[in-house]
Amino acid sequence: MSGSGAEPADRDDGEHRSLRPRLVPPAPRGAVLLLHGGRPDALTPPPPLNLPSARMRPFGSAILRSVGKERVLLATVRYRYRGWNGSRTDPVHDANEALDELTSLAPLGPVVLVGHSMGARAALRVAAHPRVSGVVALAPWCPPGEPVAHLRDTHVIVLHDERDRVTSARGAWDFVRRAHRAGARSCGVSMPRGGHAMLRDAGDWHRLTAFLAAGVLGERALPPGLTAAQARGAVVEGSALLRDVPRGGR
């Protein structure tokens, strides 16, 4: 681990570490924790070549460009198993452990969770952790009845393409509304394209996610259209927000 931007190799000592740091500056002002997708049920570990994890890498790079490498710690949650696994909620335990491990590397400042699909569900579950200021949830898996009471006063920003055939945008918007009624600063962002893997117009997903993560960290102001939507628990068009987001990092 260092401030050089190099990603450390995984430990191979047989002991699981839920936190995988990607960049650790000397005095970070905050931290971003990435949580990739997975499967509803799978008790096998993620493979060495893990495409859901790889998909989150450009989001991390965009966040570093937006905030500045000297200002934010960037890390990934490593899962023991690929699946959510029903009442076991395995990635939730991994995410909580990663947050606890994070304290020794970045003891001060807010933490923003950026999760995709199953990882977004896990991020929303652990958002009551005292270090967490908010969640940027990408195409989240939000089944009916997903808990929201713990999200009071937390930023909850959900990005979804309504044509996603893997996870339901309608379920995500319902989650946003219920979280708002529970006191969260929640809103939805309807992305014009991308599907579940967020591949079409991927640059727009990366750029907007980075801008919003920086806003939740307090490194820049959130777009007025988004804060207005948060005040109502509403859904705003992503194309409108993107007009306020600069290109090319900071």
Protein backbone atom coordinates (compact mmCIF):
# COMPACT_ATOMS: atom_id res chain seq x y z
CA MET A 1 0.00 0.00 0.00
CA SER A 2 1.27 3.42 -0.91
CA GLY A 3 0.29 6.76 -2.29
CA SER A 4 1.75 5.90 -5.70
CA GLY A 5 -1.50 4.52 -7.08
CA ALA A 6 -0.14 0.99 -7.46
CA GLU A 7 -2.55 -1.75 -6.49
CA PRO A 8 -1.13 -4.16 -3.93
CA ALA A 9 -1.31 -7.86 -4.60
CA ASP A 10 -3.70 -10.00 -2.60
CA ARG A 11 -2.21 -11.73 0.41
CA ASP A 12 -1.65 -15.42 -0.15
CA ASP A 13 -1.28 -16.47 3.46
CA GLY A 14 -4.59 -18.32 3.63
CA GLU A 15 -6.19 -15.59 5.74
CA HIS A 16 -9.08 -13.66 4.25
CA ARG A 17 -8.89 -9.86 4.23
CA SER A 18 -12.18 -8.17 3.42
CA LEU A 19 -10.50 -4.87 2.57
CA ARG A 20 -8.35 -4.63 -0.55
CA PRO A 21 -6.76 -1.15 -0.71
CA ARG A 22 -6.09 0.28 -4.15
CA LEU A 23 -4.69 3.67 -3.17
CA VAL A 24 -3.73 4.89 0.31
CA PRO A 25 -2.44 8.49 0.42
CA PRO A 26 -0.51 9.67 3.49
CA ALA A 27 -3.37 11.72 4.95
CA PRO A 28 -6.67 10.93 3.23
CA ARG A 29 -9.59 13.32 3.78
CA GLY A 30 -12.08 10.53 3.15
CA ALA A 31 -12.48 7.10 1.60
CA VAL A 32 -14.41 5.36 -1.15
CA LEU A 33 -15.18 1.67 -0.90
CA LEU A 34 -16.18 -0.25 -4.05
CA LEU A 35 -18.50 -3.28 -3.88
CA HIS A 36 -18.89 -5.31 -7.06
CA GLY A 37 -21.76 -7.53 -8.11
CA GLY A 38 -22.26 -11.24 -7.58
CA ARG A 39 -24.97 -13.89 -7.63
CA PRO A 40 -28.10 -14.59 -5.60
CA ASP A 41 -26.65 -17.93 -4.45
CA ALA A 42 -23.09 -19.22 -4.69
CA LEU A 43 -20.90 -20.64 -1.95
CA THR A 44 -17.77 -20.65 -4.09
CA PRO A 45 -15.15 -17.88 -3.84
CA PRO A 46 -14.87 -15.29 -6.61
CA PRO A 47 -12.50 -16.52 -9.34
CA PRO A 48 -9.08 -14.90 -9.88
CA LEU A 49 -10.40 -13.40 -13.13
CA ASN A 50 -13.56 -11.80 -11.75
CA LEU A 51 -15.43 -9.72 -14.32
CA PRO A 52 -17.81 -8.02 -11.83
CA SER A 53 -14.79 -6.79 -9.87
CA ALA A 54 -13.04 -5.67 -13.06
CA ARG A 55 -16.13 -3.69 -14.06
CA MET A 56 -15.73 -1.49 -10.98
CA ARG A 57 -12.13 -0.51 -11.74
CA PRO A 58 -12.96 2.35 -14.13
CA PHE A 59 -15.38 3.75 -11.55
CA GLY A 60 -12.53 3.87 -9.06
CA SER A 61 -10.23 5.54 -11.59
CA ALA A 62 -12.87 8.16 -12.38
CA ILE A 63 -13.33 8.89 -8.66
CA LEU A 64 -9.59 9.40 -8.21
CA ARG A 65 -9.54 11.84 -11.14
CA SER A 66 -12.53 13.71 -9.74
CA VAL A 67 -11.37 13.99 -6.13
CA GLY A 68 -7.60 13.82 -6.42
CA LYS A 69 -5.28 10.93 -5.57
CA GLU A 70 -3.81 12.78 -2.60
CA ARG A 71 -7.21 13.31 -0.97
CA VAL A 72 -9.05 9.99 -0.94
CA LEU A 73 -8.36 6.39 0.01
CA LEU A 74 -9.78 3.96 -2.54
CA ALA A 75 -10.41 0.32 -1.71
CA THR A 76 -12.51 -2.68 -2.73
CA VAL A 77 -14.45 -5.17 -0.65
CA ARG A 78 -13.24 -8.74 -1.16
CA TYR A 79 -15.97 -11.34 -0.79
CA ARG A 80 -15.49 -14.77 0.67
CA TYR A 81 -18.25 -16.12 -1.57
CA ARG A 82 -19.75 -15.05 -4.88
CA GLY A 83 -23.35 -15.17 -3.62
CA TRP A 84 -25.69 -13.27 -1.33
CA ASN A 85 -26.88 -16.67 -0.07
CA GLY A 86 -30.22 -15.86 1.48
CA SER A 87 -30.27 -15.21 5.21
CA ARG A 88 -26.49 -15.68 5.35
CA THR A 89 -26.07 -12.27 3.61
CA ASP A 90 -22.41 -13.11 3.11
CA PRO A 91 -21.32 -9.88 1.34
CA VAL A 92 -22.86 -7.81 4.13
CA HIS A 93 -20.48 -9.40 6.64
CA ASP A 94 -17.55 -8.81 4.29
CA ALA A 95 -18.54 -5.16 3.83
CA ASN A 96 -18.82 -4.56 7.58
CA GLU A 97 -15.41 -6.16 8.14
CA ALA A 98 -13.92 -4.01 5.39
CA LEU A 99 -15.32 -0.87 7.01
CA ASP A 100 -13.81 -1.84 10.34
CA GLU A 101 -10.44 -2.55 8.68
CA LEU A 102 -10.62 0.79 6.91
CA THR A 103 -10.46 2.68 10.20
CA SER A 104 -6.79 1.86 10.71
CA LEU A 105 -5.88 3.27 7.27
CA ALA A 106 -8.19 6.29 7.19
CA PRO A 107 -9.31 7.07 10.74
CA LEU A 108 -10.84 10.42 9.82
CA GLY A 109 -13.23 11.70 7.22
CA PRO A 110 -16.38 10.39 5.54
CA VAL A 111 -16.70 7.10 3.67
CA VAL A 112 -18.76 6.70 0.50
CA LEU A 113 -19.84 3.25 -0.66
CA VAL A 114 -20.15 2.70 -4.41
CA GLY A 115 -21.78 -0.64 -5.18
CA HIS A 116 -23.16 -2.43 -8.22
CA SER A 117 -26.02 -4.93 -8.26
CA MET A 118 -25.52 -7.35 -5.33
CA GLY A 119 -22.72 -5.08 -4.11
CA ALA A 120 -25.13 -2.15 -4.08
CA ARG A 121 -27.55 -4.16 -1.96
CA ALA A 122 -24.74 -4.94 0.47
CA ALA A 123 -23.68 -1.28 0.52
CA LEU A 124 -27.21 -0.17 1.36
CA ARG A 125 -27.41 -2.76 4.15
CA VAL A 126 -24.21 -1.55 5.87
CA ALA A 127 -24.82 2.17 5.44
CA ALA A 128 -25.64 2.56 9.14
CA HIS A 129 -21.94 2.08 9.92
CA PRO A 130 -20.77 5.25 11.74
CA ARG A 131 -18.13 6.01 9.08
CA VAL A 132 -20.54 5.95 6.13
CA SER A 133 -21.90 9.24 4.81
CA GLY A 134 -23.65 7.87 1.77
CA VAL A 135 -24.13 5.25 -0.91
CA VAL A 136 -24.02 5.56 -4.67
CA ALA A 137 -25.91 2.43 -5.79
CA LEU A 138 -25.51 1.32 -9.40
CA ALA A 139 -28.28 -0.87 -10.84
CA PRO A 140 -28.97 -2.15 -7.32
CA TRP A 141 -30.72 -5.36 -6.41
CA CYS A 142 -33.57 -4.08 -4.21
CA PRO A 143 -36.11 -6.83 -3.48
CA PRO A 144 -39.48 -5.85 -1.98
CA GLY A 145 -39.25 -5.18 1.74
CA GLU A 146 -35.53 -4.40 1.74
CA PRO A 147 -34.86 -2.53 5.06
CA VAL A 148 -34.62 1.27 5.01
CA ALA A 149 -35.04 2.46 8.62
CA HIS A 150 -31.26 2.51 9.20
CA LEU A 151 -30.71 5.01 6.35
CA ARG A 152 -31.94 8.11 8.16
CA ASP A 153 -29.76 11.18 7.36
CA THR A 154 -27.70 9.13 4.89
CA HIS A 155 -27.16 10.07 1.24
CA VAL A 156 -28.72 7.37 -0.94
CA ILE A 157 -28.29 7.98 -4.68
CA VAL A 158 -29.48 5.22 -7.02
CA LEU A 159 -28.49 5.10 -10.70
CA HIS A 160 -30.46 2.72 -12.90
CA ASP A 161 -31.33 2.15 -16.53
CA GLU A 162 -35.06 1.43 -16.62
CA ARG A 163 -34.49 -1.16 -19.36
CA ASP A 164 -32.23 -3.24 -17.10
CA ARG A 165 -33.34 -6.86 -17.44
CA VAL A 166 -31.35 -8.22 -14.49
CA THR A 167 -32.37 -5.97 -11.61
CA SER A 168 -35.57 -3.95 -11.44
CA ALA A 169 -35.45 -0.18 -11.73
CA ARG A 170 -39.04 -0.09 -10.51
CA GLY A 171 -37.93 -1.92 -7.36
CA ALA A 172 -35.06 0.54 -6.98
CA TRP A 173 -37.37 3.57 -7.28
CA ASP A 174 -39.69 2.04 -4.68
CA PHE A 175 -36.68 1.61 -2.39
CA VAL A 176 -35.75 5.29 -2.92
CA ARG A 177 -39.24 6.44 -1.94
CA ARG A 178 -39.36 4.23 1.16
CA ALA A 179 -35.89 5.35 2.22
CA HIS A 180 -36.97 8.98 1.84
CA ARG A 181 -39.95 8.39 4.09
CA ALA A 182 -37.53 6.87 6.63
CA GLY A 183 -35.49 10.08 6.64
CA ALA A 184 -32.76 9.31 4.08
CA ARG A 185 -31.51 11.91 1.62
CA SER A 186 -32.49 9.62 -1.19
CA CYS A 187 -33.16 10.01 -4.89
CA GLY A 188 -33.03 8.04 -8.11
CA VAL A 189 -31.20 8.87 -11.31
CA SER A 190 -32.69 7.36 -14.45
CA MET A 191 -29.82 6.69 -16.84
CA PRO A 192 -30.69 6.86 -20.54
CA ARG A 193 -28.70 3.75 -21.52
CA GLY A 194 -26.31 1.18 -20.16
CA GLY A 195 -28.23 -1.93 -19.19
CA HIS A 196 -27.22 -3.87 -16.13
CA ALA A 197 -23.51 -3.97 -16.97
CA MET A 198 -23.49 -0.21 -17.63
CA LEU A 199 -21.50 -0.74 -20.84
CA ARG A 200 -23.31 1.51 -23.30
CA ASP A 201 -22.38 5.12 -22.52
CA ALA A 202 -20.06 3.70 -19.87
CA GLY A 203 -18.14 6.98 -19.70
CA ASP A 204 -21.30 8.79 -18.58
CA TRP A 205 -21.84 6.25 -15.79
CA HIS A 206 -18.22 6.62 -14.64
CA ARG A 207 -18.24 10.42 -14.84
CA LEU A 208 -21.55 10.92 -13.03
CA THR A 209 -20.79 8.35 -10.34
CA ALA A 210 -17.43 10.01 -9.64
CA PHE A 211 -19.03 13.45 -9.46
CA LEU A 212 -21.71 12.23 -7.04
CA ALA A 213 -19.22 10.37 -4.86
CA ALA A 214 -17.13 13.54 -4.65
CA GLY A 215 -20.24 15.47 -3.64
CA VAL A 216 -21.14 13.05 -0.87
CA LEU A 217 -17.52 13.24 0.36
CA GLY A 218 -17.93 17.03 0.58
CA GLU A 219 -15.28 17.69 -2.07
CA ARG A 220 -17.70 19.55 -4.35
CA ALA A 221 -21.32 20.66 -4.39
CA LEU A 222 -23.92 18.17 -5.53
CA PRO A 223 -25.93 19.31 -8.60
CA PRO A 224 -28.97 21.43 -7.65
CA GLY A 225 -31.26 19.12 -9.59
CA LEU A 226 -30.09 16.19 -7.51
CA THR A 227 -30.44 17.91 -4.14
CA ALA A 228 -33.97 18.97 -5.14
CA ALA A 229 -34.77 15.35 -5.96
CA GLN A 230 -33.31 14.23 -2.62
CA ALA A 231 -35.63 16.61 -0.82
CA ARG A 232 -38.60 14.80 -2.39
CA GLY A 233 -37.34 11.25 -2.72
CA ALA A 234 -37.82 11.65 -6.45
CA VAL A 235 -36.26 10.32 -9.64
CA VAL A 236 -34.35 12.72 -11.90
CA GLU A 237 -33.17 12.20 -15.47
CA GLY A 238 -29.48 11.35 -15.69
CA SER A 239 -29.13 13.22 -18.97
CA ALA A 240 -30.09 16.44 -17.17
CA LEU A 241 -27.55 15.88 -14.40
CA LEU A 242 -24.77 15.08 -16.84
CA ARG A 243 -24.97 18.59 -18.26
CA ASP A 244 -23.67 19.86 -14.91
CA VAL A 245 -20.79 17.37 -14.72
CA PRO A 246 -17.44 18.47 -16.13
CA ARG A 247 -15.54 16.20 -18.47
CA GLY A 248 -11.94 15.21 -17.96
CA GLY A 249 -11.82 14.76 -14.18
CA ARG A 250 -11.70 17.79 -11.91
